[in-house]
């Protein structure tokens, strides 16, 4: 009888502990001037009715490389009314080859398959993909038509896209990467939020803010 009473008491205590366990705290509200900044000259987005999440990056940037796994995971949670647009920044001439590689792979429909491999090649394997000869050989090993890749890579349209990305970073006054612009209005970066976890909390809040503004519920 004592054992049965003790068991029932233990079950009751466990039940109460579950009932009164505090809920997970909601993230702190994003603080303007700390977690994010308002863009001085808001720009039109390229995603139409969808809220644009613009990421500026550089394949050779170690911070962009470190962020990539968690960013890939976060993108799976992106609301249906939001869309990522990745833009390789071009702050100097030696950033241009990586940007051209991105746009070439994007045009060939290979960016999803090879994006992480390009990051790895630059940051882990230390392969100089800025060298056209090395890049061509590496691309061929990935099962991509080398001649077609090189034709697109060296085309005027790809050069123009890469340069436009560089100008866009200047327009938004981006001083470093990785950096994010939400709906052409709000700038945030891990250098502002300090942690990856906080970065995604802020991005989620800025997306919600942009959604409310689009619906007229500021």
Protein backbone atom coordinates (compact mmCIF):
# COMPACT_ATOMS: atom_id res chain seq x y z
CA UNK A 1 0.00 0.00 0.00
CA UNK A 2 2.85 2.39 0.92
CA UNK A 3 4.64 1.71 -2.37
CA UNK A 4 1.46 2.35 -4.32
CA UNK A 5 0.83 5.61 -2.45
CA UNK A 6 4.42 6.72 -3.04
CA UNK A 7 4.11 5.94 -6.76
CA UNK A 8 0.89 7.92 -7.04
CA UNK A 9 2.47 10.85 -5.18
CA UNK A 10 5.48 10.78 -7.48
CA UNK A 11 3.26 10.78 -10.57
CA UNK A 12 1.30 13.74 -9.19
CA UNK A 13 4.48 15.72 -8.52
CA UNK A 14 5.74 14.99 -12.07
CA UNK A 15 2.42 16.07 -13.51
CA UNK A 16 2.51 19.34 -11.56
CA UNK A 17 6.10 20.01 -12.62
CA UNK A 18 5.10 19.62 -16.26
CA UNK A 19 2.03 21.84 -15.80
CA UNK A 20 3.97 24.65 -14.15
CA UNK A 21 7.12 24.45 -16.26
CA UNK A 22 7.66 27.95 -17.69
CA UNK A 23 7.23 28.35 -21.42
CA UNK A 24 10.26 29.19 -23.52
CA UNK A 25 10.90 32.91 -23.37
CA UNK A 26 10.07 34.85 -26.52
CA UNK A 27 13.06 36.47 -28.24
CA UNK A 28 13.81 40.04 -27.21
CA UNK A 29 12.40 42.61 -29.58
CA UNK A 30 14.87 43.70 -32.25
CA UNK A 31 16.41 46.99 -31.20
CA UNK A 32 17.01 49.61 -33.88
CA UNK A 33 20.53 50.95 -33.80
CA UNK A 34 21.85 47.78 -32.22
CA UNK A 35 20.33 44.68 -33.84
CA UNK A 36 19.52 46.40 -37.09
CA UNK A 37 19.58 49.74 -38.88
CA UNK A 38 17.08 51.48 -41.10
CA UNK A 39 18.39 51.93 -44.63
CA UNK A 40 18.71 55.65 -45.36
CA UNK A 41 17.66 55.25 -48.98
CA UNK A 42 15.23 52.30 -49.25
CA UNK A 43 15.43 50.45 -52.54
CA UNK A 44 12.81 48.61 -54.61
CA UNK A 45 12.93 44.83 -54.29
CA UNK A 46 13.27 42.26 -57.06
CA UNK A 47 10.91 39.72 -55.48
CA UNK A 48 7.58 41.37 -56.28
CA UNK A 49 4.86 40.47 -53.78
CA UNK A 50 7.29 38.47 -51.67
CA UNK A 51 9.33 40.03 -48.89
CA UNK A 52 12.94 40.16 -50.05
CA UNK A 53 15.74 38.90 -47.84
CA UNK A 54 18.89 40.06 -49.57
CA UNK A 55 22.16 38.46 -48.52
CA UNK A 56 25.50 39.97 -49.48
CA UNK A 57 28.37 37.50 -49.28
CA UNK A 58 31.77 36.55 -50.68
CA UNK A 59 32.86 32.96 -51.19
CA UNK A 60 36.30 33.63 -49.75
CA UNK A 61 34.93 35.34 -46.63
CA UNK A 62 35.52 33.08 -43.58
CA UNK A 63 32.53 34.57 -41.77
CA UNK A 64 30.23 33.84 -44.72
CA UNK A 65 31.61 30.31 -44.81
CA UNK A 66 30.99 29.78 -41.09
CA UNK A 67 27.45 31.14 -41.37
CA UNK A 68 26.49 28.99 -44.35
CA UNK A 69 25.33 25.82 -42.50
CA UNK A 70 23.00 27.65 -40.11
CA UNK A 71 21.79 29.92 -42.90
CA UNK A 72 20.90 26.89 -45.02
CA UNK A 73 18.95 25.49 -42.05
CA UNK A 74 17.17 28.80 -41.39
CA UNK A 75 16.15 29.16 -45.02
CA UNK A 76 14.06 26.00 -44.65
CA UNK A 77 11.91 27.92 -42.15
CA UNK A 78 11.48 30.99 -44.38
CA UNK A 79 7.81 31.98 -44.63
CA UNK A 80 6.10 31.44 -47.97
CA UNK A 81 5.69 35.18 -48.43
CA UNK A 82 9.46 35.78 -48.16
CA UNK A 83 12.24 34.99 -50.60
CA UNK A 84 16.03 34.94 -50.32
CA UNK A 85 18.13 36.68 -52.94
CA UNK A 86 21.84 36.08 -52.67
CA UNK A 87 24.21 38.68 -54.07
CA UNK A 88 27.98 38.21 -54.17
CA UNK A 89 29.46 41.55 -53.16
CA UNK A 90 32.29 43.07 -55.16
CA UNK A 91 34.27 45.55 -53.09
CA UNK A 92 37.54 45.06 -54.97
CA UNK A 93 38.64 43.71 -58.33
CA UNK A 94 39.80 40.44 -56.76
CA UNK A 95 36.22 39.77 -55.57
CA UNK A 96 34.93 39.72 -59.14
CA UNK A 97 35.95 36.13 -60.12
CA UNK A 98 33.96 34.58 -57.26
CA UNK A 99 30.93 36.69 -58.15
CA UNK A 100 31.15 35.55 -61.78
CA UNK A 101 31.35 31.93 -60.62
CA UNK A 102 28.14 32.38 -58.61
CA UNK A 103 26.18 33.92 -61.50
CA UNK A 104 27.48 31.34 -63.97
CA UNK A 105 26.42 28.43 -61.77
CA UNK A 106 23.08 30.15 -61.16
CA UNK A 107 22.43 30.51 -64.88
CA UNK A 108 23.35 26.86 -65.45
CA UNK A 109 20.97 25.69 -62.73
CA UNK A 110 23.87 24.33 -60.67
CA UNK A 111 23.95 26.78 -57.76
CA UNK A 112 21.94 24.64 -55.33
CA UNK A 113 24.12 21.61 -55.98
CA UNK A 114 27.50 23.31 -55.98
CA UNK A 115 27.20 26.40 -53.79
CA UNK A 116 28.50 24.70 -50.63
CA UNK A 117 31.21 22.96 -52.65
CA UNK A 118 32.50 26.32 -53.90
CA UNK A 119 32.64 27.55 -50.29
CA UNK A 120 34.54 24.41 -49.29
CA UNK A 121 36.96 24.70 -52.21
CA UNK A 122 37.94 28.23 -51.21
CA UNK A 123 37.91 27.88 -47.43
CA UNK A 124 38.83 24.26 -46.65
CA UNK A 125 40.64 22.86 -49.66
CA UNK A 126 42.33 26.20 -50.39
CA UNK A 127 41.77 25.84 -54.12
CA UNK A 128 42.32 29.10 -55.99
CA UNK A 129 39.11 29.18 -58.04
CA UNK A 130 39.92 32.77 -58.98
CA UNK A 131 42.40 31.30 -61.48
CA UNK A 132 40.38 30.56 -64.65
CA UNK A 133 42.46 27.47 -65.53
CA UNK A 134 42.08 25.98 -62.05
CA UNK A 135 38.39 26.90 -61.98
CA UNK A 136 37.79 25.22 -65.35
CA UNK A 137 39.41 21.99 -64.21
CA UNK A 138 37.51 22.02 -60.92
CA UNK A 139 34.21 22.64 -62.67
CA UNK A 140 34.79 19.70 -65.00
CA UNK A 141 35.40 17.44 -61.98
CA UNK A 142 31.96 18.44 -60.66
CA UNK A 143 30.31 17.04 -63.78
CA UNK A 144 29.63 20.43 -65.36
CA UNK A 145 30.22 21.11 -69.06
CA UNK A 146 33.48 23.09 -68.92
CA UNK A 147 33.14 24.79 -72.30
CA UNK A 148 29.60 25.93 -71.58
CA UNK A 149 30.61 27.14 -68.13
CA UNK A 150 33.57 29.12 -69.47
CA UNK A 151 31.46 30.67 -72.22
CA UNK A 152 28.94 31.96 -69.69
CA UNK A 153 31.62 32.93 -67.16
CA UNK A 154 33.43 35.07 -69.75
CA UNK A 155 30.28 36.61 -71.22
CA UNK A 156 29.44 40.30 -71.02
CA UNK A 157 26.11 39.56 -69.30
CA UNK A 158 27.81 37.69 -66.45
CA UNK A 159 30.37 40.46 -66.05
CA UNK A 160 27.51 42.98 -65.91
CA UNK A 161 25.60 41.00 -63.27
CA UNK A 162 28.69 40.78 -61.09
CA UNK A 163 29.31 44.51 -61.35
CA UNK A 164 25.66 45.29 -60.62
CA UNK A 165 25.95 43.27 -57.42
CA UNK A 166 28.90 45.38 -56.42
CA UNK A 167 27.00 48.58 -57.10
CA UNK A 168 24.03 47.31 -55.09
CA UNK A 169 26.26 46.78 -52.07
CA UNK A 170 27.45 50.37 -52.45
CA UNK A 171 23.87 51.62 -52.77
CA UNK A 172 22.98 49.98 -49.46
CA UNK A 173 26.21 51.27 -47.89
CA UNK A 174 27.31 47.73 -47.04
CA UNK A 175 30.73 47.87 -45.41
CA UNK A 176 31.29 44.16 -44.88
CA UNK A 177 29.90 40.68 -45.41
CA UNK A 178 27.85 38.73 -44.61
CA UNK A 179 25.10 41.33 -44.40
CA UNK A 180 21.34 41.18 -44.91
CA UNK A 181 18.79 43.66 -46.20
CA UNK A 182 15.12 42.93 -45.50
CA UNK A 183 12.62 44.27 -48.04
CA UNK A 184 14.95 47.03 -49.15
CA UNK A 185 14.54 48.82 -45.80
CA UNK A 186 16.40 47.17 -42.96
CA UNK A 187 20.04 46.17 -42.55
CA UNK A 188 21.29 43.56 -40.13
CA UNK A 189 24.39 41.41 -39.75
CA UNK A 190 25.98 39.12 -37.21
CA UNK A 191 28.46 41.89 -36.49
CA UNK A 192 25.43 43.77 -35.10
CA UNK A 193 23.55 40.90 -33.40
CA UNK A 194 26.77 39.25 -32.09
CA UNK A 195 25.47 35.67 -32.42
CA UNK A 196 24.01 33.54 -35.19
CA UNK A 197 20.97 32.70 -33.07
CA UNK A 198 20.20 36.36 -32.51
CA UNK A 199 20.76 37.12 -36.19
CA UNK A 200 17.95 34.77 -37.20
CA UNK A 201 15.68 36.09 -34.46
CA UNK A 202 16.19 39.59 -35.80
CA UNK A 203 15.69 38.49 -39.41
CA UNK A 204 12.41 36.80 -38.43
CA UNK A 205 11.25 39.96 -36.69
CA UNK A 206 12.23 42.19 -39.60
CA UNK A 207 10.33 39.94 -42.00
CA UNK A 208 7.28 40.24 -39.75
CA UNK A 209 7.78 44.01 -39.60
CA UNK A 210 7.99 44.25 -43.39
CA UNK A 211 4.86 42.08 -43.70
CA UNK A 212 2.93 44.38 -41.38
CA UNK A 213 4.09 47.45 -43.29
CA UNK A 214 3.07 45.93 -46.60
CA UNK A 215 -0.40 45.23 -45.24
CA UNK A 216 -0.70 48.73 -43.79
CA UNK A 217 -0.54 47.50 -40.18
CA UNK A 218 2.55 49.31 -39.01
